[in-house]
Amino acid sequence: MEGALALAKFGQHEEAIAEFQGLLRRGIMPVVTARHILRCYFSLSLPYAAVAQFKDWSASQTLAKEDLRYVRRFLEEALHEKDFKEHLPSLLGEAPARAKNDTRDDDLKISAIRIHFTAGPFQGESIERDVICQLGNLVSIVIPERRRDVANAFRIGSRLDRVQCYSPITVFMGQGIVARKSKVERGPQQGDHIVDISIEEEKSR
């Protein structure tokens, strides 16, 4: 715990998240550890990643229901401070509140993205991946284990300047920020990496 806290204190949030995740898997101070993970995402200005992380914990039952209550309260307060509008999954039969004029169902669905690398070891190259999940403007893609070199190029908080997005009705160019990266621990996709990217539509000049 002290090592993970030190990493966060000195701004190494990606490394801190990885350390905290390891502590959480071992069941060490789950509420405290989960809150530190969420703090790191907010320090990286990635609220969508914090929400997605909480939903993962809820779906996978990583945290006990009572622990989820405490963590959700912390997350709701943090989202409120950032004036971020998002719904968290209901717990113990609670009905999720809906904001007025909610239009999230109308968000543009992205089916695939093409990333044009403008820096780093893959500068000048492109990769195209299907989107396996979308939460608002946060999309998830899979990088196969055999391309771990590509997976290593995605660092939490790094910016992707050219991301071409495909939807059933349009194609547009945007920018992205790497929000999360995790490794599949079991199942047929064991070893693959799941990368979450926050998409921002490119502003017209």
C-alpha atoms as a PDB file:
ATOM      1  CA  MET A   1       0.000   0.000   0.000  1.00  0.00           C
ATOM      2  CA  GLU A   2       2.795   2.446   0.880  1.00  0.00           C
ATOM      3  CA  GLY A   3       4.475   1.862  -2.478  1.00  0.00           C
ATOM      4  CA  ALA A   4       1.245   2.451  -4.400  1.00  0.00           C
ATOM      5  CA  LEU A   5       0.539   5.620  -2.413  1.00  0.00           C
ATOM      6  CA  ALA A   6       4.032   6.900  -3.139  1.00  0.00           C
ATOM      7  CA  LEU A   7       3.537   6.385  -6.876  1.00  0.00           C
ATOM      8  CA  ALA A   8       0.256   8.326  -6.752  1.00  0.00           C
ATOM      9  CA  LYS A   9       1.827  11.094  -4.669  1.00  0.00           C
ATOM     10  CA  PHE A  10       4.531  11.647  -7.274  1.00  0.00           C
ATOM     11  CA  GLY A  11       2.090  11.683 -10.178  1.00  0.00           C
ATOM     12  CA  GLN A  12       2.788   8.178 -11.510  1.00  0.00           C
ATOM     13  CA  HIS A  13      -0.919   7.429 -11.625  1.00  0.00           C
ATOM     14  CA  GLU A  14      -0.840   4.650 -14.231  1.00  0.00           C
ATOM     15  CA  GLU A  15       1.704   2.673 -12.206  1.00  0.00           C
ATOM     16  CA  ALA A  16      -0.234   3.423  -9.013  1.00  0.00           C
ATOM     17  CA  ILE A  17      -3.467   2.076 -10.524  1.00  0.00           C
ATOM     18  CA  ALA A  18      -1.712  -1.181 -11.435  1.00  0.00           C
ATOM     19  CA  GLU A  19      -0.364  -1.513  -7.881  1.00  0.00           C
ATOM     20  CA  PHE A  20      -3.739  -0.732  -6.300  1.00  0.00           C
ATOM     21  CA  GLN A  21      -5.453  -3.230  -8.613  1.00  0.00           C
ATOM     22  CA  GLY A  22      -3.092  -5.924  -7.382  1.00  0.00           C
ATOM     23  CA  LEU A  23      -3.896  -5.048  -3.773  1.00  0.00           C
ATOM     24  CA  LEU A  24      -7.610  -5.158  -4.514  1.00  0.00           C
ATOM     25  CA  ARG A  25      -7.369  -8.603  -6.104  1.00  0.00           C
ATOM     26  CA  ARG A  26      -5.703  -9.799  -2.898  1.00  0.00           C
ATOM     27  CA  GLY A  27      -8.508  -8.296  -0.804  1.00  0.00           C
ATOM     28  CA  ILE A  28      -6.276  -5.794   0.996  1.00  0.00           C
ATOM     29  CA  MET A  29      -8.333  -2.893   2.445  1.00  0.00           C
ATOM     30  CA  PRO A  30     -10.834  -3.077  -0.456  1.00  0.00           C
ATOM     31  CA  VAL A  31     -12.751   0.150   0.199  1.00  0.00           C
ATOM     32  CA  VAL A  32      -9.630   2.225   0.750  1.00  0.00           C
ATOM     33  CA  THR A  33      -7.879   0.661  -2.235  1.00  0.00           C
ATOM     34  CA  ALA A  34     -10.877   1.137  -4.536  1.00  0.00           C
ATOM     35  CA  ARG A  35     -11.167   4.805  -3.555  1.00  0.00           C
ATOM     36  CA  HIS A  36      -7.484   5.347  -4.343  1.00  0.00           C
ATOM     37  CA  ILE A  37      -7.984   3.791  -7.792  1.00  0.00           C
ATOM     38  CA  LEU A  38     -10.855   6.181  -8.486  1.00  0.00           C
ATOM     39  CA  ARG A  39      -8.785   9.131  -7.226  1.00  0.00           C
ATOM     40  CA  CYS A  40      -6.068   8.231  -9.728  1.00  0.00           C
ATOM     41  CA  TYR A  41      -8.573   8.272 -12.587  1.00  0.00           C
ATOM     42  CA  PHE A  42      -9.827  11.685 -11.516  1.00  0.00           C
ATOM     43  CA  SER A  43      -6.238  12.930 -11.234  1.00  0.00           C
ATOM     44  CA  LEU A  44      -5.834  11.851 -14.871  1.00  0.00           C
ATOM     45  CA  SER A  45      -9.078  13.748 -15.725  1.00  0.00           C
ATOM     46  CA  LEU A  46     -10.745  10.472 -16.744  1.00  0.00           C
ATOM     47  CA  PRO A  47     -14.154  10.413 -15.006  1.00  0.00           C
ATOM     48  CA  TYR A  48     -15.620   8.018 -17.590  1.00  0.00           C
ATOM     49  CA  ALA A  49     -12.893   5.530 -16.687  1.00  0.00           C
ATOM     50  CA  ALA A  50     -13.776   5.879 -13.002  1.00  0.00           C
ATOM     51  CA  VAL A  51     -17.433   5.144 -13.762  1.00  0.00           C
ATOM     52  CA  ALA A  52     -16.529   2.193 -15.993  1.00  0.00           C
ATOM     53  CA  GLN A  53     -14.256   0.823 -13.263  1.00  0.00           C
ATOM     54  CA  PHE A  54     -17.043   1.014 -10.704  1.00  0.00           C
ATOM     55  CA  LYS A  55     -19.425  -0.786 -13.062  1.00  0.00           C
ATOM     56  CA  ASP A  56     -16.822  -3.511 -13.576  1.00  0.00           C
ATOM     57  CA  TRP A  57     -16.556  -3.982  -9.808  1.00  0.00           C
ATOM     58  CA  SER A  58     -20.333  -4.132  -9.512  1.00  0.00           C
ATOM     59  CA  ALA A  59     -20.770  -6.663 -12.342  1.00  0.00           C
ATOM     60  CA  SER A  60     -17.866  -8.890 -11.294  1.00  0.00           C
ATOM     61  CA  GLN A  61     -18.694  -8.745  -7.571  1.00  0.00           C
ATOM     62  CA  THR A  62     -15.082  -7.801  -6.868  1.00  0.00           C
ATOM     63  CA  LEU A  63     -16.363  -5.786  -3.919  1.00  0.00           C
ATOM     64  CA  ALA A  64     -18.961  -6.839  -1.383  1.00  0.00           C
ATOM     65  CA  LYS A  65     -22.306  -5.024  -1.648  1.00  0.00           C
ATOM     66  CA  GLU A  66     -21.693  -3.041   1.509  1.00  0.00           C
ATOM     67  CA  ASP A  67     -18.243  -2.023   0.245  1.00  0.00           C
ATOM     68  CA  LEU A  68     -19.816  -1.002  -3.078  1.00  0.00           C
ATOM     69  CA  ARG A  69     -22.165   1.312  -1.191  1.00  0.00           C
ATOM     70  CA  TYR A  70     -19.268   3.199   0.375  1.00  0.00           C
ATOM     71  CA  VAL A  71     -17.319   3.338  -2.869  1.00  0.00           C
ATOM     72  CA  ARG A  72     -20.357   4.494  -4.834  1.00  0.00           C
ATOM     73  CA  ARG A  73     -20.995   7.303  -2.361  1.00  0.00           C
ATOM     74  CA  PHE A  74     -17.398   8.455  -2.789  1.00  0.00           C
ATOM     75  CA  LEU A  75     -17.687   8.265  -6.588  1.00  0.00           C
ATOM     76  CA  GLU A  76     -20.979  10.151  -6.670  1.00  0.00           C
ATOM     77  CA  GLU A  77     -19.475  12.962  -4.598  1.00  0.00           C
ATOM     78  CA  ALA A  78     -16.436  13.152  -6.867  1.00  0.00           C
ATOM     79  CA  LEU A  79     -18.614  13.209 -10.005  1.00  0.00           C
ATOM     80  CA  HIS A  80     -20.787  15.926  -8.476  1.00  0.00           C
ATOM     81  CA  GLU A  81     -17.728  18.058  -7.750  1.00  0.00           C
ATOM     82  CA  LYS A  82     -16.674  17.690 -11.398  1.00  0.00           C
ATOM     83  CA  ASP A  83     -20.243  18.436 -12.593  1.00  0.00           C
ATOM     84  CA  PHE A  84     -20.160  15.149 -14.478  1.00  0.00           C
ATOM     85  CA  LYS A  85     -23.504  13.613 -15.473  1.00  0.00           C
ATOM     86  CA  GLU A  86     -23.522   9.836 -15.352  1.00  0.00           C
ATOM     87  CA  HIS A  87     -25.676   7.063 -13.940  1.00  0.00           C
ATOM     88  CA  LEU A  88     -24.295   4.348 -11.695  1.00  0.00           C
ATOM     89  CA  PRO A  89     -25.833   0.873 -11.630  1.00  0.00           C
ATOM     90  CA  SER A  90     -28.426   0.229  -8.955  1.00  0.00           C
ATOM     91  CA  LEU A  91     -27.447  -1.749  -5.895  1.00  0.00           C
ATOM     92  CA  LEU A  92     -29.634  -3.995  -3.765  1.00  0.00           C
ATOM     93  CA  GLY A  93     -32.723  -3.225  -5.859  1.00  0.00           C
ATOM     94  CA  GLU A  94     -32.336   0.552  -5.737  1.00  0.00           C
ATOM     95  CA  ALA A  95     -33.697   2.311  -8.806  1.00  0.00           C
ATOM     96  CA  PRO A  96     -31.080   4.469 -10.546  1.00  0.00           C
ATOM     97  CA  ALA A  97     -32.000   8.135 -10.720  1.00  0.00           C
ATOM     98  CA  ARG A  98     -32.357   9.758 -14.116  1.00  0.00           C
ATOM     99  CA  ALA A  99     -31.260  13.288 -14.747  1.00  0.00           C
ATOM    100  CA  LYS A 100     -33.605  15.772 -16.350  1.00  0.00           C
ATOM    101  CA  ASN A 101     -33.349  16.055 -20.109  1.00  0.00           C
ATOM    102  CA  ASP A 102     -31.269  12.884 -20.157  1.00  0.00           C
ATOM    103  CA  THR A 103     -30.101  12.175 -23.710  1.00  0.00           C
ATOM    104  CA  ARG A 104     -27.518   9.478 -23.148  1.00  0.00           C
ATOM    105  CA  ASP A 105     -29.581   6.952 -25.128  1.00  0.00           C
ATOM    106  CA  ASP A 106     -29.040   9.180 -28.141  1.00  0.00           C
ATOM    107  CA  ASP A 107     -25.244   9.036 -27.936  1.00  0.00           C
ATOM    108  CA  LEU A 108     -23.628   8.100 -31.228  1.00  0.00           C
ATOM    109  CA  LYS A 109     -22.709   4.425 -31.227  1.00  0.00           C
ATOM    110  CA  ILE A 110     -19.174   3.714 -32.452  1.00  0.00           C
ATOM    111  CA  SER A 111     -18.641   0.273 -33.992  1.00  0.00           C
ATOM    112  CA  ALA A 112     -14.907   0.481 -34.812  1.00  0.00           C
ATOM    113  CA  ILE A 113     -11.980   2.876 -34.621  1.00  0.00           C
ATOM    114  CA  ARG A 114      -8.804   3.365 -36.633  1.00  0.00           C
ATOM    115  CA  ILE A 115      -5.908   4.831 -34.646  1.00  0.00           C
ATOM    116  CA  HIS A 116      -3.217   6.737 -36.536  1.00  0.00           C
ATOM    117  CA  PHE A 117      -0.103   6.907 -34.357  1.00  0.00           C
ATOM    118  CA  THR A 118       1.596  10.309 -34.575  1.00  0.00           C
ATOM    119  CA  ALA A 119       4.334   9.636 -32.006  1.00  0.00           C
ATOM    120  CA  GLY A 120       6.171   6.816 -30.306  1.00  0.00           C
ATOM    121  CA  PRO A 121       7.519   3.535 -31.718  1.00  0.00           C
ATOM    122  CA  PHE A 122       4.564   3.136 -34.120  1.00  0.00           C
ATOM    123  CA  GLN A 123       4.668   6.685 -35.494  1.00  0.00           C
ATOM    124  CA  GLY A 124       3.232   6.746 -39.014  1.00  0.00           C
ATOM    125  CA  GLU A 125       1.420   3.408 -38.580  1.00  0.00           C
ATOM    126  CA  SER A 126      -2.276   2.692 -38.027  1.00  0.00           C
ATOM    127  CA  ILE A 127      -4.343  -0.034 -36.398  1.00  0.00           C
ATOM    128  CA  GLU A 128      -8.049  -0.700 -36.775  1.00  0.00           C
ATOM    129  CA  ARG A 129     -10.046  -2.472 -34.063  1.00  0.00           C
ATOM    130  CA  ASP A 130     -13.705  -3.259 -33.441  1.00  0.00           C
ATOM    131  CA  VAL A 131     -15.323  -1.598 -30.430  1.00  0.00           C
ATOM    132  CA  ILE A 132     -16.469  -4.296 -28.001  1.00  0.00           C
ATOM    133  CA  CYS A 133     -18.162  -1.960 -25.503  1.00  0.00           C
ATOM    134  CA  GLN A 134     -19.143   1.704 -25.253  1.00  0.00           C
ATOM    135  CA  LEU A 135     -20.075   3.870 -22.264  1.00  0.00           C
ATOM    136  CA  GLY A 136     -20.857   7.407 -23.384  1.00  0.00           C
ATOM    137  CA  ASN A 137     -17.736   8.546 -25.204  1.00  0.00           C
ATOM    138  CA  LEU A 138     -15.611   5.773 -23.635  1.00  0.00           C
ATOM    139  CA  VAL A 139     -14.965   2.900 -26.052  1.00  0.00           C
ATOM    140  CA  SER A 140     -13.204  -0.405 -25.397  1.00  0.00           C
ATOM    141  CA  ILE A 141     -11.021  -2.317 -27.846  1.00  0.00           C
ATOM    142  CA  VAL A 142      -9.037  -5.555 -27.591  1.00  0.00           C
ATOM    143  CA  ILE A 143      -5.335  -5.835 -28.418  1.00  0.00           C
ATOM    144  CA  PRO A 144      -4.404  -9.531 -28.836  1.00  0.00           C
ATOM    145  CA  GLU A 145      -1.652 -11.000 -26.690  1.00  0.00           C
ATOM    146  CA  ARG A 146       0.560 -11.570 -29.728  1.00  0.00           C
ATOM    147  CA  ARG A 147       0.640  -7.766 -30.201  1.00  0.00           C
ATOM    148  CA  ARG A 148       1.765  -6.893 -26.708  1.00  0.00           C
ATOM    149  CA  ASP A 149       4.189  -4.425 -28.314  1.00  0.00           C
ATOM    150  CA  VAL A 150       1.166  -2.438 -29.504  1.00  0.00           C
ATOM    151  CA  ALA A 151      -0.570  -2.801 -26.126  1.00  0.00           C
ATOM    152  CA  ASN A 152       2.519  -1.359 -24.424  1.00  0.00           C
ATOM    153  CA  ALA A 153       2.201   1.747 -26.608  1.00  0.00           C
ATOM    154  CA  PHE A 154      -1.083   2.622 -24.851  1.00  0.00           C
ATOM    155  CA  ARG A 155      -0.280   4.354 -21.589  1.00  0.00           C
ATOM    156  CA  ILE A 156      -3.017   5.609 -19.279  1.00  0.00           C
ATOM    157  CA  GLY A 157      -3.473   9.348 -19.758  1.00  0.00           C
ATOM    158  CA  SER A 158      -1.677   9.495 -23.120  1.00  0.00           C
ATOM    159  CA  ARG A 159      -3.363  11.361 -25.976  1.00  0.00           C
ATOM    160  CA  LEU A 160      -4.152   9.919 -29.397  1.00  0.00           C
ATOM    161  CA  ASP A 161      -4.291  12.822 -31.827  1.00  0.00           C
ATOM    162  CA  ARG A 162      -5.917  11.052 -34.776  1.00  0.00           C
ATOM    163  CA  VAL A 163      -8.688   8.526 -34.187  1.00  0.00           C
ATOM    164  CA  GLN A 164     -11.062   7.733 -37.045  1.00  0.00           C
ATOM    165  CA  CYS A 165     -14.419   6.569 -35.703  1.00  0.00           C
ATOM    166  CA  TYR A 166     -16.920   4.438 -37.603  1.00  0.00           C
ATOM    167  CA  SER A 167     -20.614   4.298 -36.749  1.00  0.00           C
ATOM    168  CA  PRO A 168     -23.583   2.832 -38.643  1.00  0.00           C
ATOM    169  CA  ILE A 169     -24.516   6.311 -39.897  1.00  0.00           C
ATOM    170  CA  THR A 170     -21.272   8.270 -40.238  1.00  0.00           C
ATOM    171  CA  VAL A 171     -17.485   8.355 -40.095  1.00  0.00           C
ATOM    172  CA  PHE A 172     -15.684  11.128 -38.236  1.00  0.00           C
ATOM    173  CA  MET A 173     -12.197  12.028 -37.081  1.00  0.00           C
ATOM    174  CA  GLY A 174     -11.586  12.563 -33.393  1.00  0.00           C
ATOM    175  CA  GLN A 175      -8.996  12.530 -30.663  1.00  0.00           C
ATOM    176  CA  GLY A 176      -8.679  10.126 -27.771  1.00  0.00           C
ATOM    177  CA  ILE A 177      -7.215   9.752 -24.310  1.00  0.00           C
ATOM    178  CA  VAL A 178      -6.221   6.318 -23.022  1.00  0.00           C
ATOM    179  CA  ALA A 179      -8.415   5.896 -19.968  1.00  0.00           C
ATOM    180  CA  ARG A 180      -7.745   2.349 -18.819  1.00  0.00           C
ATOM    181  CA  LYS A 181      -5.819  -0.758 -19.757  1.00  0.00           C
ATOM    182  CA  SER A 182      -6.316  -4.212 -18.314  1.00  0.00           C
ATOM    183  CA  LYS A 183      -5.208  -7.737 -19.085  1.00  0.00           C
ATOM    184  CA  VAL A 184      -7.657 -10.620 -19.450  1.00  0.00           C
ATOM    185  CA  GLU A 185      -6.739 -13.064 -16.708  1.00  0.00           C
ATOM    186  CA  ARG A 186      -8.797 -16.106 -17.752  1.00  0.00           C
ATOM    187  CA  GLY A 187     -10.952 -17.544 -20.517  1.00  0.00           C
ATOM    188  CA  PRO A 188     -10.385 -17.929 -24.269  1.00  0.00           C
ATOM    189  CA  GLN A 189      -8.962 -14.394 -24.501  1.00  0.00           C
ATOM    190  CA  GLN A 190      -6.497 -14.847 -21.647  1.00  0.00           C
ATOM    191  CA  GLY A 191      -3.473 -12.618 -22.146  1.00  0.00           C
ATOM    192  CA  ASP A 192      -5.250 -10.134 -24.405  1.00  0.00           C
ATOM    193  CA  HIS A 193      -5.356  -6.487 -23.377  1.00  0.00           C
ATOM    194  CA  ILE A 194      -8.536  -4.401 -23.145  1.00  0.00           C
ATOM    195  CA  VAL A 195      -7.893  -0.712 -23.770  1.00  0.00           C
ATOM    196  CA  ASP A 196     -10.500   1.935 -22.928  1.00  0.00           C
ATOM    197  CA  ILE A 197     -10.267   5.191 -24.885  1.00  0.00           C
ATOM    198  CA  SER A 198     -12.179   8.396 -24.222  1.00  0.00           C
ATOM    199  CA  ILE A 199     -13.164   9.859 -27.615  1.00  0.00           C
ATOM    200  CA  GLU A 200     -13.514  13.553 -28.345  1.00  0.00           C
ATOM    201  CA  GLU A 201     -14.820  14.605 -31.735  1.00  0.00           C
ATOM    202  CA  GLU A 202     -12.320  16.777 -33.579  1.00  0.00           C
ATOM    203  CA  LYS A 203     -13.347  20.424 -33.600  1.00  0.00           C
ATOM    204  CA  SER A 204     -13.780  21.964 -37.037  1.00  0.00           C
ATOM    205  CA  ARG A 205     -11.303  24.721 -37.800  1.00  0.00           C
END
